[in-house]
Amino acid sequence: YTADENGYQPRGAHLPTPPPTPEHILKA
């Protein structure tokens, strides 16, 4: 992890990841 002016930023393979952004949202 890092914590700085951009906030707390954890990294790890065990952390959940968001689903991909739907195509219609990317187009919008």
mmCIF file of all heavy atoms, coordinates in Angstrom:
data_MODEL
# 
_entry.id   MODEL 
# 
loop_
_atom_site.group_PDB 
_atom_site.id 
_atom_site.type_symbol 
_atom_site.label_atom_id 
_atom_site.label_alt_id 
_atom_site.label_comp_id 
_atom_site.label_asym_id 
_atom_site.label_entity_id 
_atom_site.label_seq_id 
_atom_site.pdbx_PDB_ins_code 
_atom_site.Cartn_x 
_atom_site.Cartn_y 
_atom_site.Cartn_z 
_atom_site.occupancy 
_atom_site.B_iso_or_equiv 
_atom_site.pdbx_formal_charge 
_atom_site.auth_seq_id 
_atom_site.auth_comp_id 
_atom_site.auth_asym_id 
_atom_site.auth_atom_id 
_atom_site.pdbx_PDB_model_num 
ATOM 1   N N   . TYR A 1 1  ? 0.822   -1.209  0.000   1.00 0.00 ? 1  TYR A N   1 
ATOM 2   C CA  . TYR A 1 1  ? 0.000   0.000   0.000   1.00 0.00 ? 1  TYR A CA  1 
ATOM 3   C C   . TYR A 1 1  ? 0.854   1.255   0.000   1.00 0.00 ? 1  TYR A C   1 
ATOM 4   O O   . TYR A 1 1  ? 2.021   1.235   0.382   1.00 0.00 ? 1  TYR A O   1 
ATOM 5   C CB  . TYR A 1 1  ? -0.934  0.011   1.214   1.00 0.00 ? 1  TYR A CB  1 
ATOM 6   C CG  . TYR A 1 1  ? -0.198  -0.024  2.531   1.00 0.00 ? 1  TYR A CG  1 
ATOM 7   C CD1 . TYR A 1 1  ? 0.242   1.145   3.152   1.00 0.00 ? 1  TYR A CD1 1 
ATOM 8   C CD2 . TYR A 1 1  ? 0.086   -1.225  3.156   1.00 0.00 ? 1  TYR A CD2 1 
ATOM 9   C CE1 . TYR A 1 1  ? 0.927   1.102   4.342   1.00 0.00 ? 1  TYR A CE1 1 
ATOM 10  C CE2 . TYR A 1 1  ? 0.762   -1.280  4.352   1.00 0.00 ? 1  TYR A CE2 1 
ATOM 11  C CZ  . TYR A 1 1  ? 1.178   -0.092  4.947   1.00 0.00 ? 1  TYR A CZ  1 
ATOM 12  O OH  . TYR A 1 1  ? 1.875   -0.142  6.130   1.00 0.00 ? 1  TYR A OH  1 
ATOM 13  N N   . THR A 1 2  ? 0.246   2.313   -0.462  1.00 0.00 ? 2  THR A N   1 
ATOM 14  C CA  . THR A 1 2  ? 0.780   3.653   -0.315  1.00 0.00 ? 2  THR A CA  1 
ATOM 15  C C   . THR A 1 2  ? -0.350  4.519   0.202   1.00 0.00 ? 2  THR A C   1 
ATOM 16  O O   . THR A 1 2  ? -1.530  4.253   -0.040  1.00 0.00 ? 2  THR A O   1 
ATOM 17  C CB  . THR A 1 2  ? 1.312   4.239   -1.638  1.00 0.00 ? 2  THR A CB  1 
ATOM 18  O OG1 . THR A 1 2  ? 0.263   4.211   -2.603  1.00 0.00 ? 2  THR A OG1 1 
ATOM 19  C CG2 . THR A 1 2  ? 2.502   3.484   -2.160  1.00 0.00 ? 2  THR A CG2 1 
ATOM 20  N N   . ALA A 1 3  ? 0.017   5.541   0.925   1.00 0.00 ? 3  ALA A N   1 
ATOM 21  C CA  . ALA A 1 3  ? -0.944  6.521   1.410   1.00 0.00 ? 3  ALA A CA  1 
ATOM 22  C C   . ALA A 1 3  ? -0.297  7.882   1.243   1.00 0.00 ? 3  ALA A C   1 
ATOM 23  O O   . ALA A 1 3  ? 0.785   8.136   1.770   1.00 0.00 ? 3  ALA A O   1 
ATOM 24  C CB  . ALA A 1 3  ? -1.298  6.250   2.867   1.00 0.00 ? 3  ALA A CB  1 
ATOM 25  N N   . ASP A 1 4  ? -0.942  8.733   0.453   1.00 0.00 ? 4  ASP A N   1 
ATOM 26  C CA  . ASP A 1 4  ? -0.381  10.048  0.182   1.00 0.00 ? 4  ASP A CA  1 
ATOM 27  C C   . ASP A 1 4  ? -1.507  11.023  -0.135  1.00 0.00 ? 4  ASP A C   1 
ATOM 28  O O   . ASP A 1 4  ? -2.653  10.783  0.261   1.00 0.00 ? 4  ASP A O   1 
ATOM 29  C CB  . ASP A 1 4  ? 0.643   9.976   -0.958  1.00 0.00 ? 4  ASP A CB  1 
ATOM 30  C CG  . ASP A 1 4  ? 0.075   9.374   -2.235  1.00 0.00 ? 4  ASP A CG  1 
ATOM 31  O OD1 . ASP A 1 4  ? -1.154  9.332   -2.409  1.00 0.00 ? 4  ASP A OD1 1 
ATOM 32  O OD2 . ASP A 1 4  ? 0.870   8.948   -3.087  1.00 0.00 ? 4  ASP A OD2 1 
ATOM 33  N N   . GLU A 1 5  ? -1.203  12.070  -0.876  1.00 0.00 ? 5  GLU A N   1 
ATOM 34  C CA  . GLU A 1 5  ? -2.229  13.062  -1.201  1.00 0.00 ? 5  GLU A CA  1 
ATOM 35  C C   . GLU A 1 5  ? -3.364  12.478  -2.036  1.00 0.00 ? 5  GLU A C   1 
ATOM 36  O O   . GLU A 1 5  ? -4.441  13.052  -2.133  1.00 0.00 ? 5  GLU A O   1 
ATOM 37  C CB  . GLU A 1 5  ? -1.610  14.272  -1.930  1.00 0.00 ? 5  GLU A CB  1 
ATOM 38  C CG  . GLU A 1 5  ? -1.056  13.982  -3.310  1.00 0.00 ? 5  GLU A CG  1 
ATOM 39  C CD  . GLU A 1 5  ? 0.378   13.462  -3.308  1.00 0.00 ? 5  GLU A CD  1 
ATOM 40  O OE1 . GLU A 1 5  ? 0.988   13.332  -2.231  1.00 0.00 ? 5  GLU A OE1 1 
ATOM 41  O OE2 . GLU A 1 5  ? 0.899   13.180  -4.409  1.00 0.00 ? 5  GLU A OE2 1 
ATOM 42  N N   . ASN A 1 6  ? -3.153  11.320  -2.625  1.00 0.00 ? 6  ASN A N   1 
ATOM 43  C CA  . ASN A 1 6  ? -4.193  10.648  -3.407  1.00 0.00 ? 6  ASN A CA  1 
ATOM 44  C C   . ASN A 1 6  ? -4.977  9.628   -2.583  1.00 0.00 ? 6  ASN A C   1 
ATOM 45  O O   . ASN A 1 6  ? -5.774  8.874   -3.129  1.00 0.00 ? 6  ASN A O   1 
ATOM 46  C CB  . ASN A 1 6  ? -3.571  9.957   -4.622  1.00 0.00 ? 6  ASN A CB  1 
ATOM 47  C CG  . ASN A 1 6  ? -2.929  10.958  -5.551  1.00 0.00 ? 6  ASN A CG  1 
ATOM 48  O OD1 . ASN A 1 6  ? -3.512  11.975  -5.861  1.00 0.00 ? 6  ASN A OD1 1 
ATOM 49  N ND2 . ASN A 1 6  ? -1.706  10.690  -5.965  1.00 0.00 ? 6  ASN A ND2 1 
ATOM 50  N N   . GLY A 1 7  ? -4.738  9.554   -1.276  1.00 0.00 ? 7  GLY A N   1 
ATOM 51  C CA  . GLY A 1 7  ? -5.460  8.637   -0.405  1.00 0.00 ? 7  GLY A CA  1 
ATOM 52  C C   . GLY A 1 7  ? -4.733  7.322   -0.219  1.00 0.00 ? 7  GLY A C   1 
ATOM 53  O O   . GLY A 1 7  ? -3.586  7.150   -0.616  1.00 0.00 ? 7  GLY A O   1 
ATOM 54  N N   . TYR A 1 8  ? -5.438  6.399   0.400   1.00 0.00 ? 8  TYR A N   1 
ATOM 55  C CA  . TYR A 1 8  ? -4.902  5.063   0.672   1.00 0.00 ? 8  TYR A CA  1 
ATOM 56  C C   . TYR A 1 8  ? -5.101  4.196   -0.563  1.00 0.00 ? 8  TYR A C   1 
ATOM 57  O O   . TYR A 1 8  ? -6.208  4.103   -1.094  1.00 0.00 ? 8  TYR A O   1 
ATOM 58  C CB  . TYR A 1 8  ? -5.635  4.462   1.879   1.00 0.00 ? 8  TYR A CB  1 
ATOM 59  C CG  . TYR A 1 8  ? -5.222  3.061   2.207   1.00 0.00 ? 8  TYR A CG  1 
ATOM 60  C CD1 . TYR A 1 8  ? -3.972  2.789   2.746   1.00 0.00 ? 8  TYR A CD1 1 
ATOM 61  C CD2 . TYR A 1 8  ? -6.092  2.006   2.000   1.00 0.00 ? 8  TYR A CD2 1 
ATOM 62  C CE1 . TYR A 1 8  ? -3.594  1.495   3.060   1.00 0.00 ? 8  TYR A CE1 1 
ATOM 63  C CE2 . TYR A 1 8  ? -5.727  0.701   2.315   1.00 0.00 ? 8  TYR A CE2 1 
ATOM 64  C CZ  . TYR A 1 8  ? -4.479  0.462   2.839   1.00 0.00 ? 8  TYR A CZ  1 
ATOM 65  O OH  . TYR A 1 8  ? -4.110  -0.815  3.146   1.00 0.00 ? 8  TYR A OH  1 
ATOM 66  N N   . GLN A 1 9  ? -4.020  3.573   -1.041  1.00 0.00 ? 9  GLN A N   1 
ATOM 67  C CA  . GLN A 1 9  ? -4.066  2.791   -2.276  1.00 0.00 ? 9  GLN A CA  1 
ATOM 68  C C   . GLN A 1 9  ? -3.489  1.400   -2.037  1.00 0.00 ? 9  GLN A C   1 
ATOM 69  O O   . GLN A 1 9  ? -2.287  1.185   -2.161  1.00 0.00 ? 9  GLN A O   1 
ATOM 70  C CB  . GLN A 1 9  ? -3.274  3.503   -3.364  1.00 0.00 ? 9  GLN A CB  1 
ATOM 71  C CG  . GLN A 1 9  ? -3.779  4.906   -3.646  1.00 0.00 ? 9  GLN A CG  1 
ATOM 72  C CD  . GLN A 1 9  ? -2.722  5.745   -4.328  1.00 0.00 ? 9  GLN A CD  1 
ATOM 73  O OE1 . GLN A 1 9  ? -1.925  5.251   -5.117  1.00 0.00 ? 9  GLN A OE1 1 
ATOM 74  N NE2 . GLN A 1 9  ? -2.695  7.020   -4.014  1.00 0.00 ? 9  GLN A NE2 1 
ATOM 75  N N   . PRO A 1 10 ? -4.347  0.449   -1.670  1.00 0.00 ? 10 PRO A N   1 
ATOM 76  C CA  . PRO A 1 10 ? -3.859  -0.919  -1.453  1.00 0.00 ? 10 PRO A CA  1 
ATOM 77  C C   . PRO A 1 10 ? -3.727  -1.679  -2.762  1.00 0.00 ? 10 PRO A C   1 
ATOM 78  O O   . PRO A 1 10 ? -4.432  -1.414  -3.728  1.00 0.00 ? 10 PRO A O   1 
ATOM 79  C CB  . PRO A 1 10 ? -4.950  -1.528  -0.577  1.00 0.00 ? 10 PRO A CB  1 
ATOM 80  C CG  . PRO A 1 10 ? -6.189  -0.809  -0.999  1.00 0.00 ? 10 PRO A CG  1 
ATOM 81  C CD  . PRO A 1 10 ? -5.762  0.593   -1.349  1.00 0.00 ? 10 PRO A CD  1 
ATOM 82  N N   . ARG A 1 11 ? -2.799  -2.647  -2.789  1.00 0.00 ? 11 ARG A N   1 
ATOM 83  C CA  . ARG A 1 11 ? -2.618  -3.514  -3.937  1.00 0.00 ? 11 ARG A CA  1 
ATOM 84  C C   . ARG A 1 11 ? -2.391  -4.929  -3.427  1.00 0.00 ? 11 ARG A C   1 
ATOM 85  O O   . ARG A 1 11 ? -1.591  -5.133  -2.526  1.00 0.00 ? 11 ARG A O   1 
ATOM 86  C CB  . ARG A 1 11 ? -1.407  -3.079  -4.758  1.00 0.00 ? 11 ARG A CB  1 
ATOM 87  C CG  . ARG A 1 11 ? -1.565  -1.720  -5.419  1.00 0.00 ? 11 ARG A CG  1 
ATOM 88  C CD  . ARG A 1 11 ? -0.286  -1.250  -6.111  1.00 0.00 ? 11 ARG A CD  1 
ATOM 89  N NE  . ARG A 1 11 ? 0.896   -1.180  -5.256  1.00 0.00 ? 11 ARG A NE  1 
ATOM 90  C CZ  . ARG A 1 11 ? 1.148   -0.213  -4.377  1.00 0.00 ? 11 ARG A CZ  1 
ATOM 91  N NH1 . ARG A 1 11 ? 0.290   0.760   -4.196  1.00 0.00 ? 11 ARG A NH1 1 
ATOM 92  N NH2 . ARG A 1 11 ? 2.253   -0.243  -3.659  1.00 0.00 ? 11 ARG A NH2 1 
ATOM 93  N N   . GLY A 1 12 ? -3.099  -5.874  -4.009  1.00 0.00 ? 12 GLY A N   1 
ATOM 94  C CA  . GLY A 1 12 ? -2.921  -7.272  -3.633  1.00 0.00 ? 12 GLY A CA  1 
ATOM 95  C C   . GLY A 1 12 ? -3.808  -8.152  -4.485  1.00 0.00 ? 12 GLY A C   1 
ATOM 96  O O   . GLY A 1 12 ? -4.923  -7.762  -4.849  1.00 0.00 ? 12 GLY A O   1 
ATOM 97  N N   . ALA A 1 13 ? -3.330  -9.328  -4.792  1.00 0.00 ? 13 ALA A N   1 
ATOM 98  C CA  . ALA A 1 13 ? -4.084  -10.249 -5.642  1.00 0.00 ? 13 ALA A CA  1 
ATOM 99  C C   . ALA A 1 13 ? -5.387  -10.695 -4.986  1.00 0.00 ? 13 ALA A C   1 
ATOM 100 O O   . ALA A 1 13 ? -6.326  -11.080 -5.674  1.00 0.00 ? 13 ALA A O   1 
ATOM 101 C CB  . ALA A 1 13 ? -3.227  -11.470 -5.969  1.00 0.00 ? 13 ALA A CB  1 
ATOM 102 N N   . HIS A 1 14 ? -5.465  -10.628 -3.672  1.00 0.00 ? 14 HIS A N   1 
ATOM 103 C CA  . HIS A 1 14 ? -6.658  -11.070 -2.953  1.00 0.00 ? 14 HIS A CA  1 
ATOM 104 C C   . HIS A 1 14 ? -7.768  -10.015 -2.918  1.00 0.00 ? 14 HIS A C   1 
ATOM 105 O O   . HIS A 1 14 ? -8.894  -10.317 -2.543  1.00 0.00 ? 14 HIS A O   1 
ATOM 106 C CB  . HIS A 1 14 ? -6.281  -11.444 -1.518  1.00 0.00 ? 14 HIS A CB  1 
ATOM 107 C CG  . HIS A 1 14 ? -5.826  -10.266 -0.712  1.00 0.00 ? 14 HIS A CG  1 
ATOM 108 N ND1 . HIS A 1 14 ? -4.611  -9.649  -0.937  1.00 0.00 ? 14 HIS A ND1 1 
ATOM 109 C CD2 . HIS A 1 14 ? -6.422  -9.579  0.279   1.00 0.00 ? 14 HIS A CD2 1 
ATOM 110 C CE1 . HIS A 1 14 ? -4.478  -8.645  -0.101  1.00 0.00 ? 14 HIS A CE1 1 
ATOM 111 N NE2 . HIS A 1 14 ? -5.563  -8.579  0.651   1.00 0.00 ? 14 HIS A NE2 1 
ATOM 112 N N   . LEU A 1 15 ? -7.464  -8.786  -3.313  1.00 0.00 ? 15 LEU A N   1 
ATOM 113 C CA  . LEU A 1 15 ? -8.457  -7.710  -3.263  1.00 0.00 ? 15 LEU A CA  1 
ATOM 114 C C   . LEU A 1 15 ? -9.445  -7.825  -4.420  1.00 0.00 ? 15 LEU A C   1 
ATOM 115 O O   . LEU A 1 15 ? -9.062  -8.182  -5.534  1.00 0.00 ? 15 LEU A O   1 
ATOM 116 C CB  . LEU A 1 15 ? -7.764  -6.348  -3.308  1.00 0.00 ? 15 LEU A CB  1 
ATOM 117 C CG  . LEU A 1 15 ? -6.844  -6.047  -2.130  1.00 0.00 ? 15 LEU A CG  1 
ATOM 118 C CD1 . LEU A 1 15 ? -6.113  -4.728  -2.361  1.00 0.00 ? 15 LEU A CD1 1 
ATOM 119 C CD2 . LEU A 1 15 ? -7.624  -6.006  -0.830  1.00 0.00 ? 15 LEU A CD2 1 
ATOM 120 N N   . PRO A 1 16 ? -10.706 -7.516  -4.171  1.00 0.00 ? 16 PRO A N   1 
ATOM 121 C CA  . PRO A 1 16 ? -11.682 -7.587  -5.260  1.00 0.00 ? 16 PRO A CA  1 
ATOM 122 C C   . PRO A 1 16 ? -11.405 -6.507  -6.307  1.00 0.00 ? 16 PRO A C   1 
ATOM 123 O O   . PRO A 1 16 ? -10.848 -5.457  -6.000  1.00 0.00 ? 16 PRO A O   1 
ATOM 124 C CB  . PRO A 1 16 ? -13.018 -7.347  -4.562  1.00 0.00 ? 16 PRO A CB  1 
ATOM 125 C CG  . PRO A 1 16 ? -12.676 -6.629  -3.305  1.00 0.00 ? 16 PRO A CG  1 
ATOM 126 C CD  . PRO A 1 16 ? -11.296 -7.083  -2.912  1.00 0.00 ? 16 PRO A CD  1 
ATOM 127 N N   . THR A 1 17 ? -11.779 -6.782  -7.535  1.00 0.00 ? 17 THR A N   1 
ATOM 128 C CA  . THR A 1 17 ? -11.617 -5.805  -8.611  1.00 0.00 ? 17 THR A CA  1 
ATOM 129 C C   . THR A 1 17 ? -12.991 -5.477  -9.175  1.00 0.00 ? 17 THR A C   1 
ATOM 130 O O   . THR A 1 17 ? -13.890 -6.317  -9.170  1.00 0.00 ? 17 THR A O   1 
ATOM 131 C CB  . THR A 1 17 ? -10.721 -6.352  -9.734  1.00 0.00 ? 17 THR A CB  1 
ATOM 132 O OG1 . THR A 1 17 ? -11.289 -7.561  -10.219 1.00 0.00 ? 17 THR A OG1 1 
ATOM 133 C CG2 . THR A 1 17 ? -9.311  -6.609  -9.247  1.00 0.00 ? 17 THR A CG2 1 
ATOM 134 N N   . PRO A 1 18 ? -13.158 -4.263  -9.673  1.00 0.00 ? 18 PRO A N   1 
ATOM 135 C CA  . PRO A 1 18 ? -14.472 -3.905  -10.229 1.00 0.00 ? 18 PRO A CA  1 
ATOM 136 C C   . PRO A 1 18 ? -14.710 -4.630  -11.550 1.00 0.00 ? 18 PRO A C   1 
ATOM 137 O O   . PRO A 1 18 ? -13.762 -5.005  -12.244 1.00 0.00 ? 18 PRO A O   1 
ATOM 138 C CB  . PRO A 1 18 ? -14.354 -2.395  -10.452 1.00 0.00 ? 18 PRO A CB  1 
ATOM 139 C CG  . PRO A 1 18 ? -12.899 -2.136  -10.591 1.00 0.00 ? 18 PRO A CG  1 
ATOM 140 C CD  . PRO A 1 18 ? -12.209 -3.166  -9.731  1.00 0.00 ? 18 PRO A CD  1 
ATOM 141 N N   . PRO A 1 19 ? -15.985 -4.809  -11.898 1.00 0.00 ? 19 PRO A N   1 
ATOM 142 C CA  . PRO A 1 19 ? -16.282 -5.432  -13.190 1.00 0.00 ? 19 PRO A CA  1 
ATOM 143 C C   . PRO A 1 19 ? -15.897 -4.476  -14.317 1.00 0.00 ? 19 PRO A C   1 
ATOM 144 O O   . PRO A 1 19 ? -15.754 -3.268  -14.105 1.00 0.00 ? 19 PRO A O   1 
ATOM 145 C CB  . PRO A 1 19 ? -17.791 -5.658  -13.139 1.00 0.00 ? 19 PRO A CB  1 
ATOM 146 C CG  . PRO A 1 19 ? -18.290 -4.641  -12.173 1.00 0.00 ? 19 PRO A CG  1 
ATOM 147 C CD  . PRO A 1 19 ? -17.189 -4.450  -11.167 1.00 0.00 ? 19 PRO A CD  1 
ATOM 148 N N   . PRO A 1 20 ? -15.750 -4.976  -15.539 1.00 0.00 ? 20 PRO A N   1 
ATOM 149 C CA  . PRO A 1 20 ? -15.419 -4.088  -16.653 1.00 0.00 ? 20 PRO A CA  1 
ATOM 150 C C   . PRO A 1 20 ? -16.555 -3.089  -16.900 1.00 0.00 ? 20 PRO A C   1 
ATOM 151 O O   . PRO A 1 20 ? -17.721 -3.387  -16.654 1.00 0.00 ? 20 PRO A O   1 
ATOM 152 C CB  . PRO A 1 20 ? -15.241 -5.028  -17.846 1.00 0.00 ? 20 PRO A CB  1 
ATOM 153 C CG  . PRO A 1 20 ? -15.704 -6.369  -17.412 1.00 0.00 ? 20 PRO A CG  1 
ATOM 154 C CD  . PRO A 1 20 ? -15.851 -6.364  -15.936 1.00 0.00 ? 20 PRO A CD  1 
ATOM 155 N N   . THR A 1 21 ? -16.186 -1.916  -17.371 1.00 0.00 ? 21 THR A N   1 
ATOM 156 C CA  . THR A 1 21 ? -17.181 -0.887  -17.676 1.00 0.00 ? 21 THR A CA  1 
ATOM 157 C C   . THR A 1 21 ? -17.973 -1.316  -18.907 1.00 0.00 ? 21 THR A C   1 
ATOM 158 O O   . THR A 1 21 ? -17.388 -1.662  -19.932 1.00 0.00 ? 21 THR A O   1 
ATOM 159 C CB  . THR A 1 21 ? -16.494 0.468   -17.937 1.00 0.00 ? 21 THR A CB  1 
ATOM 160 O OG1 . THR A 1 21 ? -15.663 0.782   -16.817 1.00 0.00 ? 21 THR A OG1 1 
ATOM 161 C CG2 . THR A 1 21 ? -17.500 1.574   -18.148 1.00 0.00 ? 21 THR A CG2 1 
ATOM 162 N N   . PRO A 1 22 ? -19.320 -1.293  -18.821 1.00 0.00 ? 22 PRO A N   1 
ATOM 163 C CA  . PRO A 1 22 ? -20.140 -1.703  -19.969 1.00 0.00 ? 22 PRO A CA  1 
ATOM 164 C C   . PRO A 1 22 ? -19.876 -0.829  -21.199 1.00 0.00 ? 22 PRO A C   1 
ATOM 165 O O   . PRO A 1 22 ? -19.570 0.356   -21.082 1.00 0.00 ? 22 PRO A O   1 
ATOM 166 C CB  . PRO A 1 22 ? -21.576 -1.519  -19.472 1.00 0.00 ? 22 PRO A CB  1 
ATOM 167 C CG  . PRO A 1 22 ? -21.474 -1.525  -17.988 1.00 0.00 ? 22 PRO A CG  1 
ATOM 168 C CD  . PRO A 1 22 ? -20.124 -0.965  -17.654 1.00 0.00 ? 22 PRO A CD  1 
ATOM 169 N N   . GLU A 1 23 ? -20.001 -1.433  -22.367 1.00 0.00 ? 23 GLU A N   1 
ATOM 170 C CA  . GLU A 1 23 ? -19.725 -0.745  -23.636 1.00 0.00 ? 23 GLU A CA  1 
ATOM 171 C C   . GLU A 1 23 ? -20.570 0.517   -23.797 1.00 0.00 ? 23 GLU A C   1 
ATOM 172 O O   . GLU A 1 23 ? -20.082 1.546   -24.257 1.00 0.00 ? 23 GLU A O   1 
ATOM 173 C CB  . GLU A 1 23 ? -19.949 -1.709  -24.805 1.00 0.00 ? 23 GLU A CB  1 
ATOM 174 C CG  . GLU A 1 23 ? -19.527 -1.148  -26.156 1.00 0.00 ? 23 GLU A CG  1 
ATOM 175 C CD  . GLU A 1 23 ? -18.039 -0.850  -26.248 1.00 0.00 ? 23 GLU A CD  1 
ATOM 176 O OE1 . GLU A 1 23 ? -17.242 -1.559  -25.620 1.00 0.00 ? 23 GLU A OE1 1 
ATOM 177 O OE2 . GLU A 1 23 ? -17.680 0.109   -26.961 1.00 0.00 ? 23 GLU A OE2 1 
ATOM 178 N N   . HIS A 1 24 ? -21.849 0.457   -23.426 1.00 0.00 ? 24 HIS A N   1 
ATOM 179 C CA  . HIS A 1 24 ? -22.712 1.633   -23.613 1.00 0.00 ? 24 HIS A CA  1 
ATOM 180 C C   . HIS A 1 24 ? -22.268 2.795   -22.726 1.00 0.00 ? 24 HIS A C   1 
ATOM 181 O O   . HIS A 1 24 ? -22.407 3.956   -23.110 1.00 0.00 ? 24 HIS A O   1 
ATOM 182 C CB  . HIS A 1 24 ? -24.189 1.283   -23.365 1.00 0.00 ? 24 HIS A CB  1 
ATOM 183 C CG  . HIS A 1 24 ? -24.507 0.873   -21.970 1.00 0.00 ? 24 HIS A CG  1 
ATOM 184 N ND1 . HIS A 1 24 ? -24.270 -0.398  -21.500 1.00 0.00 ? 24 HIS A ND1 1 
ATOM 185 C CD2 . HIS A 1 24 ? -25.040 1.567   -20.940 1.00 0.00 ? 24 HIS A CD2 1 
ATOM 186 C CE1 . HIS A 1 24 ? -24.648 -0.469  -20.231 1.00 0.00 ? 24 HIS A CE1 1 
ATOM 187 N NE2 . HIS A 1 24 ? -25.121 0.711   -19.866 1.00 0.00 ? 24 HIS A NE2 1 
ATOM 188 N N   . ILE A 1 25 ? -21.682 2.510   -21.564 1.00 0.00 ? 25 ILE A N   1 
ATOM 189 C CA  . ILE A 1 25 ? -21.157 3.580   -20.702 1.00 0.00 ? 25 ILE A CA  1 
ATOM 190 C C   . ILE A 1 25 ? -19.902 4.178   -21.329 1.00 0.00 ? 25 ILE A C   1 
ATOM 191 O O   . ILE A 1 25 ? -19.721 5.396   -21.348 1.00 0.00 ? 25 ILE A O   1 
ATOM 192 C CB  . ILE A 1 25 ? -20.860 3.051   -19.288 1.00 0.00 ? 25 ILE A CB  1 
ATOM 193 C CG1 . ILE A 1 25 ? -22.125 2.527   -18.626 1.00 0.00 ? 25 ILE A CG1 1 
ATOM 194 C CG2 . ILE A 1 25 ? -20.173 4.101   -18.432 1.00 0.00 ? 25 ILE A CG2 1 
ATOM 195 C CD1 . ILE A 1 25 ? -23.185 3.586   -18.373 1.00 0.00 ? 25 ILE A CD1 1 
ATOM 196 N N   . LEU A 1 26 ? -19.039 3.333   -21.881 1.00 0.00 ? 26 LEU A N   1 
ATOM 197 C CA  . LEU A 1 26 ? -17.835 3.836   -22.548 1.00 0.00 ? 26 LEU A CA  1 
ATOM 198 C C   . LEU A 1 26 ? -18.199 4.733   -23.734 1.00 0.00 ? 26 LEU A C   1 
ATOM 199 O O   . LEU A 1 26 ? -17.587 5.791   -23.943 1.00 0.00 ? 26 LEU A O   1 
ATOM 200 C CB  . LEU A 1 26 ? -16.957 2.672   -23.013 1.00 0.00 ? 26 LEU A CB  1 
ATOM 201 C CG  . LEU A 1 26 ? -16.321 1.838   -21.901 1.00 0.00 ? 26 LEU A CG  1 
ATOM 202 C CD1 . LEU A 1 26 ? -15.606 0.626   -22.488 1.00 0.00 ? 26 LEU A CD1 1 
ATOM 203 C CD2 . LEU A 1 26 ? -15.379 2.676   -21.075 1.00 0.00 ? 26 LEU A CD2 1 
ATOM 204 N N   . LYS A 1 27 ? -19.227 4.330   -24.505 1.00 0.00 ? 27 LYS A N   1 
ATOM 205 C CA  . LYS A 1 27 ? -19.672 5.145   -25.641 1.00 0.00 ? 27 LYS A CA  1 
ATOM 206 C C   . LYS A 1 27 ? -20.238 6.476   -25.163 1.00 0.00 ? 27 LYS A C   1 
ATOM 207 O O   . LYS A 1 27 ? -19.977 7.527   -25.759 1.00 0.00 ? 27 LYS A O   1 
ATOM 208 C CB  . LYS A 1 27 ? -20.722 4.397   -26.460 1.00 0.00 ? 27 LYS A CB  1 
ATOM 209 C CG  . LYS A 1 27 ? -20.158 3.278   -27.296 1.00 0.00 ? 27 LYS A CG  1 
ATOM 210 C CD  . LYS A 1 27 ? -21.258 2.592   -28.094 1.00 0.00 ? 27 LYS A CD  1 
ATOM 211 C CE  . LYS A 1 27 ? -20.717 1.431   -28.900 1.00 0.00 ? 27 LYS A CE  1 
ATOM 212 N NZ  . LYS A 1 27 ? -21.773 0.749   -29.659 1.00 0.00 ? 27 LYS A NZ  1 
ATOM 213 N N   . ALA A 1 28 ? -21.011 6.442   -24.081 1.00 0.00 ? 28 ALA A N   1 
ATOM 214 C CA  . ALA A 1 28 ? -21.587 7.678   -23.541 1.00 0.00 ? 28 ALA A CA  1 
ATOM 215 C C   . ALA A 1 28 ? -20.491 8.621   -23.052 1.00 0.00 ? 28 ALA A C   1 
ATOM 216 O O   . ALA A 1 28 ? -20.543 9.830   -23.292 1.00 0.00 ? 28 ALA A O   1 
ATOM 217 C CB  . ALA A 1 28 ? -22.564 7.365   -22.417 1.00 0.00 ? 28 ALA A CB  1 
# 
